[in-house]
PDB file of all heavy atoms in Angstrom:
ATOM      1  N   GLU A   1     -15.923  -2.302 -15.932  1.00  0.00           N
ATOM      2  CA  GLU A   1     -15.971  -0.809 -15.837  1.00  0.00           C
ATOM      3  C   GLU A   1     -14.810  -0.204 -15.068  1.00  0.00           C
ATOM      4  O   GLU A   1     -14.418   0.929 -15.301  1.00  0.00           O
ATOM      5  CB  GLU A   1     -17.300  -0.383 -15.171  1.00  0.00           C
ATOM      6  CG  GLU A   1     -18.530  -0.812 -15.878  1.00  0.00           C
ATOM      7  CD  GLU A   1     -19.764  -0.475 -15.048  1.00  0.00           C
ATOM      8  OE1 GLU A   1     -19.725   0.512 -14.312  1.00  0.00           O
ATOM      9  OE2 GLU A   1     -20.787  -1.257 -15.152  1.00  0.00           O
ATOM     10  N   ALA A   2     -14.265  -0.950 -14.111  1.00  0.00           N
ATOM     11  CA  ALA A   2     -13.241  -0.436 -13.251  1.00  0.00           C
ATOM     12  C   ALA A   2     -12.218  -1.505 -12.926  1.00  0.00           C
ATOM     13  O   ALA A   2     -12.085  -1.948 -11.737  1.00  0.00           O
ATOM     14  CB  ALA A   2     -13.806   0.146 -11.987  1.00  0.00           C
ATOM     15  N   PRO A   3     -11.450  -1.995 -13.931  1.00  0.00           N
ATOM     16  CA  PRO A   3     -10.480  -3.091 -13.671  1.00  0.00           C
ATOM     17  C   PRO A   3      -9.429  -2.740 -12.704  1.00  0.00           C
ATOM     18  O   PRO A   3      -8.862  -3.602 -12.049  1.00  0.00           O
ATOM     19  CB  PRO A   3      -9.898  -3.371 -15.063  1.00  0.00           C
ATOM     20  CG  PRO A   3     -10.187  -2.119 -15.840  1.00  0.00           C
ATOM     21  CD  PRO A   3     -11.453  -1.567 -15.383  1.00  0.00           C
ATOM     22  N   LEU A   4      -9.150  -1.411 -12.567  1.00  0.00           N
ATOM     23  CA  LEU A   4      -8.331  -0.940 -11.431  1.00  0.00           C
ATOM     24  C   LEU A   4      -9.338  -0.091 -10.602  1.00  0.00           C
ATOM     25  O   LEU A   4      -9.722   1.020 -10.977  1.00  0.00           O
ATOM     26  CB  LEU A   4      -7.171  -0.042 -11.875  1.00  0.00           C
ATOM     27  CG  LEU A   4      -6.395   0.598 -10.722  1.00  0.00           C
ATOM     28  CD1 LEU A   4      -5.732  -0.446  -9.813  1.00  0.00           C
ATOM     29  CD2 LEU A   4      -5.382   1.621 -11.237  1.00  0.00           C
ATOM     30  N   TYR A   5      -9.674  -0.634  -9.442  1.00  0.00           N
ATOM     31  CA  TYR A   5     -10.682   0.009  -8.594  1.00  0.00           C
ATOM     32  C   TYR A   5      -9.972   0.585  -7.329  1.00  0.00           C
ATOM     33  O   TYR A   5      -9.006   0.045  -6.865  1.00  0.00           O
ATOM     34  CB  TYR A   5     -11.700  -1.075  -8.098  1.00  0.00           C
ATOM     35  CG  TYR A   5     -12.603  -0.591  -7.029  1.00  0.00           C
ATOM     36  CD1 TYR A   5     -13.716   0.243  -7.289  1.00  0.00           C
ATOM     37  CD2 TYR A   5     -12.415  -0.899  -5.669  1.00  0.00           C
ATOM     38  CE1 TYR A   5     -14.536   0.741  -6.289  1.00  0.00           C
ATOM     39  CE2 TYR A   5     -13.225  -0.460  -4.694  1.00  0.00           C
ATOM     40  CZ  TYR A   5     -14.266   0.361  -4.980  1.00  0.00           C
ATOM     41  OH  TYR A   5     -15.140   0.789  -4.009  1.00  0.00           O
ATOM     42  N   TYR A   6     -10.466   1.739  -6.847  1.00  0.00           N
ATOM     43  CA  TYR A   6      -9.937   2.308  -5.601  1.00  0.00           C
ATOM     44  C   TYR A   6     -11.091   2.564  -4.650  1.00  0.00           C
ATOM     45  O   TYR A   6     -12.132   3.170  -4.979  1.00  0.00           O
ATOM     46  CB  TYR A   6      -9.259   3.661  -5.957  1.00  0.00           C
ATOM     47  CG  TYR A   6      -8.752   4.334  -4.649  1.00  0.00           C
ATOM     48  CD1 TYR A   6      -7.678   3.764  -3.952  1.00  0.00           C
ATOM     49  CD2 TYR A   6      -9.362   5.507  -4.184  1.00  0.00           C
ATOM     50  CE1 TYR A   6      -7.192   4.376  -2.782  1.00  0.00           C
ATOM     51  CE2 TYR A   6      -8.867   6.101  -3.048  1.00  0.00           C
ATOM     52  CZ  TYR A   6      -7.827   5.559  -2.344  1.00  0.00           C
ATOM     53  OH  TYR A   6      -7.382   6.165  -1.173  1.00  0.00           O
ATOM     54  N   ASN A   7     -10.863   2.107  -3.418  1.00  0.00           N
ATOM     55  CA  ASN A   7     -11.841   2.291  -2.308  1.00  0.00           C
ATOM     56  C   ASN A   7     -11.262   3.353  -1.414  1.00  0.00           C
ATOM     57  O   ASN A   7     -10.238   3.162  -0.765  1.00  0.00           O
ATOM     58  CB  ASN A   7     -12.082   0.975  -1.547  1.00  0.00           C
ATOM     59  CG  ASN A   7     -13.034   1.159  -0.355  1.00  0.00           C
ATOM     60  OD1 ASN A   7     -12.727   1.872   0.554  1.00  0.00           O
ATOM     61  ND2 ASN A   7     -14.182   0.475  -0.472  1.00  0.00           N
ATOM     62  N   GLU A   8     -11.936   4.552  -1.402  1.00  0.00           N
ATOM     63  CA  GLU A   8     -11.385   5.645  -0.630  1.00  0.00           C
ATOM     64  C   GLU A   8     -11.591   5.442   0.894  1.00  0.00           C
ATOM     65  O   GLU A   8     -10.731   5.802   1.690  1.00  0.00           O
ATOM     66  CB  GLU A   8     -12.123   6.953  -1.009  1.00  0.00           C
ATOM     67  CG  GLU A   8     -11.626   8.203  -0.381  1.00  0.00           C
ATOM     68  CD  GLU A   8     -12.215   9.462  -0.933  1.00  0.00           C
ATOM     69  OE1 GLU A   8     -13.058   9.345  -1.857  1.00  0.00           O
ATOM     70  OE2 GLU A   8     -11.935  10.567  -0.395  1.00  0.00           O
ATOM     71  N   LYS A   9     -12.670   4.800   1.263  1.00  0.00           N
ATOM     72  CA  LYS A   9     -12.962   4.641   2.677  1.00  0.00           C
ATOM     73  C   LYS A   9     -11.884   3.841   3.388  1.00  0.00           C
ATOM     74  O   LYS A   9     -11.413   4.202   4.469  1.00  0.00           O
ATOM     75  CB  LYS A   9     -14.312   3.920   2.869  1.00  0.00           C
ATOM     76  CG  LYS A   9     -14.724   3.635   4.309  1.00  0.00           C
ATOM     77  CD  LYS A   9     -16.085   2.985   4.424  1.00  0.00           C
ATOM     78  CE  LYS A   9     -16.472   2.776   5.849  1.00  0.00           C
ATOM     79  NZ  LYS A   9     -17.809   2.143   6.005  1.00  0.00           N
ATOM     80  N   TYR A  10     -11.448   2.697   2.767  1.00  0.00           N
ATOM     81  CA  TYR A  10     -10.436   1.888   3.366  1.00  0.00           C
ATOM     82  C   TYR A  10      -9.064   1.974   2.708  1.00  0.00           C
ATOM     83  O   TYR A  10      -8.179   1.290   3.097  1.00  0.00           O
ATOM     84  CB  TYR A  10     -10.913   0.411   3.364  1.00  0.00           C
ATOM     85  CG  TYR A  10     -12.121   0.151   4.159  1.00  0.00           C
ATOM     86  CD1 TYR A  10     -13.350  -0.237   3.619  1.00  0.00           C
ATOM     87  CD2 TYR A  10     -12.148   0.314   5.567  1.00  0.00           C
ATOM     88  CE1 TYR A  10     -14.485  -0.467   4.345  1.00  0.00           C
ATOM     89  CE2 TYR A  10     -13.281   0.174   6.329  1.00  0.00           C
ATOM     90  CZ  TYR A  10     -14.427  -0.283   5.772  1.00  0.00           C
ATOM     91  OH  TYR A  10     -15.575  -0.458   6.509  1.00  0.00           O
ATOM     92  N   ASP A  11      -9.008   2.876   1.743  1.00  0.00           N
ATOM     93  CA  ASP A  11      -7.722   3.249   1.095  1.00  0.00           C
ATOM     94  C   ASP A  11      -6.990   2.000   0.509  1.00  0.00           C
ATOM     95  O   ASP A  11      -5.868   1.662   0.946  1.00  0.00           O
ATOM     96  CB  ASP A  11      -6.822   3.952   2.150  1.00  0.00           C
ATOM     97  CG  ASP A  11      -5.547   4.510   1.449  1.00  0.00           C
ATOM     98  OD1 ASP A  11      -5.546   4.696   0.218  1.00  0.00           O
ATOM     99  OD2 ASP A  11      -4.544   4.714   2.179  1.00  0.00           O
ATOM    100  N   PHE A  12      -7.662   1.326  -0.392  1.00  0.00           N
ATOM    101  CA  PHE A  12      -6.951   0.216  -1.101  1.00  0.00           C
ATOM    102  C   PHE A  12      -7.383   0.196  -2.529  1.00  0.00           C
ATOM    103  O   PHE A  12      -8.492   0.670  -2.910  1.00  0.00           O
ATOM    104  CB  PHE A  12      -7.319  -1.115  -0.452  1.00  0.00           C
ATOM    105  CG  PHE A  12      -8.701  -1.615  -0.667  1.00  0.00           C
ATOM    106  CD1 PHE A  12      -9.002  -2.510  -1.706  1.00  0.00           C
ATOM    107  CD2 PHE A  12      -9.754  -1.232   0.173  1.00  0.00           C
ATOM    108  CE1 PHE A  12     -10.282  -2.967  -1.916  1.00  0.00           C
ATOM    109  CE2 PHE A  12     -11.019  -1.708  -0.038  1.00  0.00           C
ATOM    110  CZ  PHE A  12     -11.306  -2.567  -1.072  1.00  0.00           C
ATOM    111  N   TYR A  13      -6.528  -0.336  -3.371  1.00  0.00           N
ATOM    112  CA  TYR A  13      -6.865  -0.570  -4.797  1.00  0.00           C
ATOM    113  C   TYR A  13      -7.198  -2.049  -4.950  1.00  0.00           C
ATOM    114  O   TYR A  13      -6.899  -2.951  -4.073  1.00  0.00           O
ATOM    115  CB  TYR A  13      -5.604  -0.309  -5.681  1.00  0.00           C
ATOM    116  CG  TYR A  13      -5.238   1.183  -5.712  1.00  0.00           C
ATOM    117  CD1 TYR A  13      -4.459   1.733  -4.683  1.00  0.00           C
ATOM    118  CD2 TYR A  13      -5.700   1.986  -6.764  1.00  0.00           C
ATOM    119  CE1 TYR A  13      -4.092   3.088  -4.746  1.00  0.00           C
ATOM    120  CE2 TYR A  13      -5.310   3.373  -6.779  1.00  0.00           C
ATOM    121  CZ  TYR A  13      -4.538   3.865  -5.820  1.00  0.00           C
ATOM    122  OH  TYR A  13      -4.205   5.190  -5.816  1.00  0.00           O
ATOM    123  N   ALA A  14      -7.866  -2.367  -6.101  1.00  0.00           N
ATOM    124  CA  ALA A  14      -8.194  -3.769  -6.340  1.00  0.00           C
ATOM    125  C   ALA A  14      -8.174  -4.056  -7.847  1.00  0.00           C
ATOM    126  O   ALA A  14      -8.488  -3.222  -8.687  1.00  0.00           O
ATOM    127  CB  ALA A  14      -9.650  -4.092  -5.834  1.00  0.00           C
ATOM    128  N   LEU A  15      -7.660  -5.225  -8.111  1.00  0.00           N
ATOM    129  CA  LEU A  15      -7.652  -5.782  -9.468  1.00  0.00           C
ATOM    130  C   LEU A  15      -8.577  -7.000  -9.532  1.00  0.00           C
ATOM    131  O   LEU A  15      -8.540  -7.815  -8.639  1.00  0.00           O
ATOM    132  CB  LEU A  15      -6.206  -6.217  -9.911  1.00  0.00           C
ATOM    133  CG  LEU A  15      -5.212  -5.077 -10.099  1.00  0.00           C
ATOM    134  CD1 LEU A  15      -3.802  -5.582 -10.202  1.00  0.00           C
ATOM    135  CD2 LEU A  15      -5.593  -4.182 -11.279  1.00  0.00           C
ATOM    136  N   SER A  16      -9.333  -7.072 -10.664  1.00  0.00           N
ATOM    137  CA  SER A  16     -10.419  -8.087 -10.663  1.00  0.00           C
ATOM    138  C   SER A  16     -10.367  -8.971 -11.856  1.00  0.00           C
ATOM    139  O   SER A  16     -11.119  -9.990 -11.917  1.00  0.00           O
ATOM    140  CB  SER A  16     -11.781  -7.424 -10.608  1.00  0.00           C
ATOM    141  OG  SER A  16     -11.851  -6.369 -11.530  1.00  0.00           O
ATOM    142  N   ARG A  17      -9.585  -8.645 -12.917  1.00  0.00           N
ATOM    143  CA  ARG A  17      -9.538  -9.478 -14.082  1.00  0.00           C
ATOM    144  C   ARG A  17      -8.545 -10.605 -13.908  1.00  0.00           C
ATOM    145  O   ARG A  17      -7.484 -10.483 -13.263  1.00  0.00           O
ATOM    146  CB  ARG A  17      -9.173  -8.671 -15.324  1.00  0.00           C
ATOM    147  CG  ARG A  17     -10.262  -7.677 -15.722  1.00  0.00           C
ATOM    148  CD  ARG A  17      -9.855  -6.880 -16.956  1.00  0.00           C
ATOM    149  NE  ARG A  17     -10.898  -5.976 -17.368  1.00  0.00           N
ATOM    150  CZ  ARG A  17     -10.749  -5.058 -18.304  1.00  0.00           C
ATOM    151  NH1 ARG A  17      -9.621  -4.999 -19.053  1.00  0.00           N
ATOM    152  NH2 ARG A  17     -11.797  -4.256 -18.654  1.00  0.00           N
ATOM    153  N   PHE A  18      -8.766 -11.776 -14.515  1.00  0.00           N
ATOM    154  CA  PHE A  18      -7.905 -12.959 -14.369  1.00  0.00           C
ATOM    155  C   PHE A  18      -6.475 -12.585 -14.683  1.00  0.00           C
ATOM    156  O   PHE A  18      -5.588 -12.933 -13.898  1.00  0.00           O
ATOM    157  CB  PHE A  18      -8.403 -14.083 -15.266  1.00  0.00           C
ATOM    158  CG  PHE A  18      -7.621 -15.325 -15.118  1.00  0.00           C
ATOM    159  CD1 PHE A  18      -8.074 -16.361 -14.330  1.00  0.00           C
ATOM    160  CD2 PHE A  18      -6.423 -15.519 -15.840  1.00  0.00           C
ATOM    161  CE1 PHE A  18      -7.347 -17.523 -14.189  1.00  0.00           C
ATOM    162  CE2 PHE A  18      -5.702 -16.664 -15.684  1.00  0.00           C
ATOM    163  CZ  PHE A  18      -6.171 -17.721 -14.869  1.00  0.00           C
ATOM    164  N   ASP A  19      -6.188 -11.976 -15.828  1.00  0.00           N
ATOM    165  CA  ASP A  19      -4.856 -11.694 -16.249  1.00  0.00           C
ATOM    166  C   ASP A  19      -4.150 -10.821 -15.254  1.00  0.00           C
ATOM    167  O   ASP A  19      -2.996 -11.003 -14.944  1.00  0.00           O
ATOM    168  CB  ASP A  19      -4.897 -11.156 -17.678  1.00  0.00           C
ATOM    169  CG  ASP A  19      -3.462 -11.055 -18.222  1.00  0.00           C
ATOM    170  OD1 ASP A  19      -2.752 -12.083 -18.285  1.00  0.00           O
ATOM    171  OD2 ASP A  19      -3.055  -9.965 -18.659  1.00  0.00           O
ATOM    172  N   ASP A  20      -4.822  -9.771 -14.785  1.00  0.00           N
ATOM    173  CA  ASP A  20      -4.239  -8.829 -13.841  1.00  0.00           C
ATOM    174  C   ASP A  20      -3.918  -9.464 -12.492  1.00  0.00           C
ATOM    175  O   ASP A  20      -2.908  -9.229 -11.906  1.00  0.00           O
ATOM    176  CB  ASP A  20      -5.156  -7.633 -13.674  1.00  0.00           C
ATOM    177  CG  ASP A  20      -5.322  -6.775 -14.883  1.00  0.00           C
ATOM    178  OD1 ASP A  20      -4.411  -6.774 -15.728  1.00  0.00           O
ATOM    179  OD2 ASP A  20      -6.386  -6.131 -15.049  1.00  0.00           O
ATOM    180  N   VAL A  21      -4.908 -10.318 -12.000  1.00  0.00           N
ATOM    181  CA  VAL A  21      -4.703 -10.952 -10.752  1.00  0.00           C
ATOM    182  C   VAL A  21      -3.526 -11.955 -10.860  1.00  0.00           C
ATOM    183  O   VAL A  21      -2.636 -11.953 -10.017  1.00  0.00           O
ATOM    184  CB  VAL A  21      -5.989 -11.703 -10.333  1.00  0.00           C
ATOM    185  CG1 VAL A  21      -5.704 -12.544  -9.062  1.00  0.00           C
ATOM    186  CG2 VAL A  21      -7.086 -10.704 -10.018  1.00  0.00           C
ATOM    187  N   GLU A  22      -3.488 -12.707 -11.925  1.00  0.00           N
ATOM    188  CA  GLU A  22      -2.397 -13.676 -12.090  1.00  0.00           C
ATOM    189  C   GLU A  22      -1.058 -12.963 -12.118  1.00  0.00           C
ATOM    190  O   GLU A  22      -0.071 -13.374 -11.462  1.00  0.00           O
ATOM    191  CB  GLU A  22      -2.614 -14.468 -13.380  1.00  0.00           C
ATOM    192  CG  GLU A  22      -1.596 -15.538 -13.669  1.00  0.00           C
ATOM    193  CD  GLU A  22      -1.826 -16.246 -15.003  1.00  0.00           C
ATOM    194  OE1 GLU A  22      -1.844 -15.569 -16.043  1.00  0.00           O
ATOM    195  OE2 GLU A  22      -2.022 -17.452 -14.962  1.00  0.00           O
ATOM    196  N   LYS A  23      -0.966 -11.876 -12.939  1.00  0.00           N
ATOM    197  CA  LYS A  23       0.327 -11.148 -13.001  1.00  0.00           C
ATOM    198  C   LYS A  23       0.652 -10.539 -11.619  1.00  0.00           C
ATOM    199  O   LYS A  23       1.813 -10.469 -11.268  1.00  0.00           O
ATOM    200  CB  LYS A  23       0.200 -10.062 -14.070  1.00  0.00           C
ATOM    201  CG  LYS A  23       0.240 -10.608 -15.473  1.00  0.00           C
ATOM    202  CD  LYS A  23       0.057  -9.472 -16.514  1.00  0.00           C
ATOM    203  CE  LYS A  23       0.091 -10.020 -17.948  1.00  0.00           C
ATOM    204  NZ  LYS A  23      -0.166  -8.937 -18.973  1.00  0.00           N
ATOM    205  N   GLY A  24      -0.372 -10.023 -10.893  1.00  0.00           N
ATOM    206  CA  GLY A  24      -0.112  -9.493  -9.628  1.00  0.00           C
ATOM    207  C   GLY A  24       0.440 -10.527  -8.613  1.00  0.00           C
ATOM    208  O   GLY A  24       1.356 -10.237  -7.851  1.00  0.00           O
ATOM    209  N   LEU A  25      -0.075 -11.734  -8.692  1.00  0.00           N
ATOM    210  CA  LEU A  25       0.362 -12.772  -7.813  1.00  0.00           C
ATOM    211  C   LEU A  25       1.798 -13.190  -8.137  1.00  0.00           C
ATOM    212  O   LEU A  25       2.588 -13.599  -7.279  1.00  0.00           O
ATOM    213  CB  LEU A  25      -0.545 -14.031  -7.871  1.00  0.00           C
ATOM    214  CG  LEU A  25      -1.971 -13.793  -7.325  1.00  0.00           C
ATOM    215  CD1 LEU A  25      -2.861 -15.003  -7.689  1.00  0.00           C
ATOM    216  CD2 LEU A  25      -1.899 -13.663  -5.805  1.00  0.00           C
ATOM    217  N   LEU A  26       2.182 -13.129  -9.435  1.00  0.00           N
ATOM    218  CA  LEU A  26       3.547 -13.466  -9.863  1.00  0.00           C
ATOM    219  C   LEU A  26       4.534 -12.354  -9.509  1.00  0.00           C
ATOM    220  O   LEU A  26       5.736 -12.622  -9.335  1.00  0.00           O
ATOM    221  CB  LEU A  26       3.546 -13.701 -11.383  1.00  0.00           C
ATOM    222  CG  LEU A  26       2.860 -15.033 -11.816  1.00  0.00           C
ATOM    223  CD1 LEU A  26       2.711 -15.090 -13.333  1.00  0.00           C
ATOM    224  CD2 LEU A  26       3.585 -16.281 -11.310  1.00  0.00           C
ATOM    225  N   ASN A  27       4.097 -11.108  -9.402  1.00  0.00           N
ATOM    226  CA  ASN A  27       4.980  -9.939  -9.288  1.00  0.00           C
ATOM    227  C   ASN A  27       5.295  -9.695  -7.829  1.00  0.00           C
ATOM    228  O   ASN A  27       4.883  -8.674  -7.253  1.00  0.00           O
ATOM    229  CB  ASN A  27       4.316  -8.714  -9.956  1.00  0.00           C
ATOM    230  CG  ASN A  27       5.251  -7.520  -9.929  1.00  0.00           C
ATOM    231  OD1 ASN A  27       6.457  -7.596  -9.569  1.00  0.00           O
ATOM    232  ND2 ASN A  27       4.763  -6.383 -10.417  1.00  0.00           N
ATOM    233  N   TRP A  28       5.986 -10.616  -7.227  1.00  0.00           N
ATOM    234  CA  TRP A  28       6.272 -10.547  -5.759  1.00  0.00           C
ATOM    235  C   TRP A  28       7.244  -9.443  -5.408  1.00  0.00           C
ATOM    236  O   TRP A  28       7.323  -9.072  -4.222  1.00  0.00           O
ATOM    237  CB  TRP A  28       6.760 -11.899  -5.269  1.00  0.00           C
ATOM    238  CG  TRP A  28       8.040 -12.430  -5.920  1.00  0.00           C
ATOM    239  CD1 TRP A  28       8.153 -13.219  -6.989  1.00  0.00           C
ATOM    240  CD2 TRP A  28       9.354 -12.139  -5.487  1.00  0.00           C
ATOM    241  NE1 TRP A  28       9.460 -13.505  -7.272  1.00  0.00           N
ATOM    242  CE2 TRP A  28      10.242 -12.785  -6.387  1.00  0.00           C
ATOM    243  CE3 TRP A  28       9.935 -11.358  -4.494  1.00  0.00           C
ATOM    244  CZ2 TRP A  28      11.619 -12.736  -6.257  1.00  0.00           C
ATOM    245  CZ3 TRP A  28      11.280 -11.295  -4.351  1.00  0.00           C
ATOM    246  CH2 TRP A  28      12.112 -11.967  -5.301  1.00  0.00           C
ATOM    247  N   LYS A  29       7.987  -8.940  -6.348  1.00  0.00           N
ATOM    248  CA  LYS A  29       8.947  -7.863  -5.998  1.00  0.00           C
ATOM    249  C   LYS A  29       8.219  -6.546  -5.828  1.00  0.00           C
ATOM    250  O   LYS A  29       8.645  -5.687  -5.008  1.00  0.00           O
ATOM    251  CB  LYS A  29       9.992  -7.752  -7.106  1.00  0.00           C
ATOM    252  CG  LYS A  29      10.949  -8.896  -7.174  1.00  0.00           C
ATOM    253  CD  LYS A  29      12.050  -8.693  -8.174  1.00  0.00           C
ATOM    254  CE  LYS A  29      13.007  -9.868  -8.188  1.00  0.00           C
ATOM    255  NZ  LYS A  29      14.107  -9.656  -9.251  1.00  0.00           N
ATOM    256  N   THR A  30       7.172  -6.307  -6.599  1.00  0.00           N
ATOM    257  CA  THR A  30       6.375  -5.087  -6.410  1.00  0.00           C
ATOM    258  C   THR A  30       5.236  -5.214  -5.438  1.00  0.00           C
ATOM    259  O   THR A  30       5.009  -4.327  -4.619  1.00  0.00           O
ATOM    260  CB  THR A  30       5.827  -4.640  -7.813  1.00  0.00           C
ATOM    261  OG1 THR A  30       6.907  -4.465  -8.743  1.00  0.00           O
ATOM    262  CG2 THR A  30       5.003  -3.317  -7.661  1.00  0.00           C
ATOM    263  N   PHE A  31       4.536  -6.320  -5.525  1.00  0.00           N
ATOM    264  CA  PHE A  31       3.445  -6.615  -4.632  1.00  0.00           C
ATOM    265  C   PHE A  31       3.857  -7.601  -3.583  1.00  0.00           C
ATOM    266  O   PHE A  31       3.744  -8.773  -3.750  1.00  0.00           O
ATOM    267  CB  PHE A  31       2.171  -7.084  -5.390  1.00  0.00           C
ATOM    268  CG  PHE A  31       1.718  -6.141  -6.474  1.00  0.00           C
ATOM    269  CD1 PHE A  31       1.291  -6.664  -7.704  1.00  0.00           C
ATOM    270  CD2 PHE A  31       1.669  -4.792  -6.283  1.00  0.00           C
ATOM    271  CE1 PHE A  31       0.850  -5.834  -8.736  1.00  0.00           C
ATOM    272  CE2 PHE A  31       1.257  -3.956  -7.276  1.00  0.00           C
ATOM    273  CZ  PHE A  31       0.816  -4.462  -8.505  1.00  0.00           C
ATOM    274  N   ILE A  32       4.389  -7.085  -2.424  1.00  0.00           N
ATOM    275  CA  ILE A  32       5.096  -7.920  -1.553  1.00  0.00           C
ATOM    276  C   ILE A  32       4.126  -8.465  -0.418  1.00  0.00           C
ATOM    277  O   ILE A  32       3.091  -7.874  -0.180  1.00  0.00           O
ATOM    278  CB  ILE A  32       6.271  -7.188  -0.902  1.00  0.00           C
ATOM    279  CG1 ILE A  32       5.773  -6.054   0.014  1.00  0.00           C
ATOM    280  CG2 ILE A  32       7.279  -6.702  -1.901  1.00  0.00           C
ATOM    281  CD1 ILE A  32       6.894  -5.432   0.864  1.00  0.00           C
ATOM    282  N   SER A  33       4.574  -9.549   0.151  1.00  0.00           N
ATOM    283  CA  SER A  33       3.782 -10.208   1.188  1.00  0.00           C
ATOM    284  C   SER A  33       4.295  -9.990   2.602  1.00  0.00           C
ATOM    285  O   SER A  33       3.689 -10.392   3.557  1.00  0.00           O
ATOM    286  CB  SER A  33       3.729 -11.748   0.918  1.00  0.00           C
ATOM    287  OG  SER A  33       3.169 -11.961  -0.383  1.00  0.00           O
ATOM    288  N   GLY A  34       5.463  -9.400   2.710  1.00  0.00           N
ATOM    289  CA  GLY A  34       6.144  -9.342   3.976  1.00  0.00           C
ATOM    290  C   GLY A  34       5.419  -8.450   5.011  1.00  0.00           C
ATOM    291  O   GLY A  34       5.752  -8.522   6.204  1.00  0.00           O
ATOM    292  N   LYS A  35       4.489  -7.617   4.592  1.00  0.00           N
ATOM    293  CA  LYS A  35       3.702  -6.854   5.562  1.00  0.00           C
ATOM    294  C   LYS A  35       2.308  -7.435   5.750  1.00  0.00           C
ATOM    295  O   LYS A  35       1.427  -6.825   6.391  1.00  0.00           O
ATOM    296  CB  LYS A  35       3.566  -5.394   5.063  1.00  0.00           C
ATOM    297  CG  LYS A  35       4.914  -4.696   5.024  1.00  0.00           C
ATOM    298  CD  LYS A  35       4.736  -3.228   4.518  1.00  0.00           C
ATOM    299  CE  LYS A  35       6.078  -2.509   4.504  1.00  0.00           C
ATOM    300  NZ  LYS A  35       6.683  -2.302   5.825  1.00  0.00           N
ATOM    301  N   GLY A  36       2.067  -8.658   5.235  1.00  0.00           N
ATOM    302  CA  GLY A  36       0.818  -9.343   5.424  1.00  0.00           C
ATOM    303  C   GLY A  36       0.114  -9.566   4.049  1.00  0.00           C
ATOM    304  O   GLY A  36       0.507  -8.991   3.016  1.00  0.00           O
ATOM    305  N   MET A  37      -0.890 -10.415   4.103  1.00  0.00           N
ATOM    306  CA  MET A  37      -1.683 -10.688   2.897  1.00  0.00           C
ATOM    307  C   MET A  37      -3.189 -10.421   3.086  1.00  0.00           C
ATOM    308  O   MET A  37      -4.004 -10.858   2.297  1.00  0.00           O
ATOM    309  CB  MET A  37      -1.459 -12.139   2.498  1.00  0.00           C
ATOM    310  CG  MET A  37      -0.037 -12.434   1.994  1.00  0.00           C
ATOM    311  SD  MET A  37       0.274 -14.181   1.694  1.00  0.00           S
ATOM    312  CE  MET A  37      -0.787 -14.453   0.301  1.00  0.00           C
ATOM    313  N   ILE A  38      -3.515  -9.848   4.210  1.00  0.00           N
ATOM    314  CA  ILE A  38      -4.905  -9.451   4.526  1.00  0.00           C
ATOM    315  C   ILE A  38      -4.928  -7.997   4.722  1.00  0.00           C
ATOM    316  O   ILE A  38      -4.104  -7.414   5.404  1.00  0.00           O
ATOM    317  CB  ILE A  38      -5.340 -10.209   5.813  1.00  0.00           C
ATOM    318  CG1 ILE A  38      -5.177 -11.713   5.647  1.00  0.00           C
ATOM    319  CG2 ILE A  38      -6.784  -9.829   6.144  1.00  0.00           C
ATOM    320  CD1 ILE A  38      -5.315 -12.505   6.908  1.00  0.00           C
ATOM    321  N   LEU A  39      -5.931  -7.352   4.095  1.00  0.00           N
ATOM    322  CA  LEU A  39      -6.019  -5.896   4.069  1.00  0.00           C
ATOM    323  C   LEU A  39      -5.837  -5.227   5.459  1.00  0.00           C
ATOM    324  O   LEU A  39      -4.955  -4.363   5.660  1.00  0.00           O
ATOM    325  CB  LEU A  39      -7.373  -5.460   3.449  1.00  0.00           C
ATOM    326  CG  LEU A  39      -7.653  -3.960   3.463  1.00  0.00           C
ATOM    327  CD1 LEU A  39      -6.642  -3.210   2.625  1.00  0.00           C
ATOM    328  CD2 LEU A  39      -9.066  -3.755   2.843  1.00  0.00           C
ATOM    329  N   GLU A  40      -6.601  -5.697   6.414  1.00  0.00           N
ATOM    330  CA  GLU A  40      -6.539  -5.020   7.731  1.00  0.00           C
ATOM    331  C   GLU A  40      -5.260  -5.353   8.493  1.00  0.00           C
ATOM    332  O   GLU A  40      -4.772  -4.523   9.287  1.00  0.00           O
ATOM    333  CB  GLU A  40      -7.758  -5.371   8.600  1.00  0.00           C
ATOM    334  CG  GLU A  40      -7.966  -6.856   8.843  1.00  0.00           C
ATOM    335  CD  GLU A  40      -8.964  -7.475   7.875  1.00  0.00           C
ATOM    336  OE1 GLU A  40      -8.895  -7.120   6.642  1.00  0.00           O
ATOM    337  OE2 GLU A  40      -9.820  -8.241   8.301  1.00  0.00           O
ATOM    338  N   LEU A  41      -4.629  -6.503   8.134  1.00  0.00           N
ATOM    339  CA  LEU A  41      -3.326  -6.833   8.773  1.00  0.00           C
ATOM    340  C   LEU A  41      -2.236  -5.879   8.232  1.00  0.00           C
ATOM    341  O   LEU A  41      -1.393  -5.400   8.983  1.00  0.00           O
ATOM    342  CB  LEU A  41      -2.944  -8.275   8.548  1.00  0.00           C
ATOM    343  CG  LEU A  41      -3.534  -9.329   9.553  1.00  0.00           C
ATOM    344  CD1 LEU A  41      -3.051 -10.682   9.078  1.00  0.00           C
ATOM    345  CD2 LEU A  41      -3.082  -9.032  10.949  1.00  0.00           C
TER     346      LEU A  41
END
């Protein structure tokens, strides 16, 4: 129902489908790790 989900309380988006997650993990230039890999960090 919501393959792109947004949580207003904690202000984050989420991807839940295999293909989207896999592509997200591969797309290191757009989805960077240099600011952390844990939401609260």
